[in-house]
Amino acid sequence: MAVSALVDRVNDAYHEPMIEQSQRRVPVPVVAAVILLLGAALPASMMFASGPSMALGLIGVLLLLALAYGLWRGSGRARFWTTVFSTVSVGYGVVTITKAGALGLLQIVGAAVIVGLLLVPASSRRWFHDLPAEG
């Protein structure tokens, strides 16, 4: 390609050729939501490490990991279920706020932040609806 083809004739500005990307980049809000979900899976796995509810804890951890993987891949279903579970978690936390300690308040805030990260930013909405990026 000739260099003269990269120069805009109107204002003599040089333009770098665009590099084609084979894969879309995961938006920052989705990365943050995935990190929060993975962060929630670690204490959940330790909380249910022993006792009769070990199987239930394992199922919960696997569900969190599956949701995180689905969000990373851009699955609308993972976004829906993560939003539902996080909203229920916020509701449950608000109802039991009198019994909630610092960890309970952290859970409420974390779940609310996940919902906000998945629903509010435009880049997050485009990721799950497979819309082209605005340039």
Foldseek 3Di string as FASTA:
>chain_A
DDQVVQADPPPRDGHDDDDDDPDDDQDPLLVVLLVLLLVVLVVLQVVLVDDDCNVVSVVVSVLSNVLSVCSRQLEPVSLVVLLVVLVVLLVVLVVCVVVDDPVSVVSNVSSVSSNCSCPPDPSNVCSNVVDDDDD
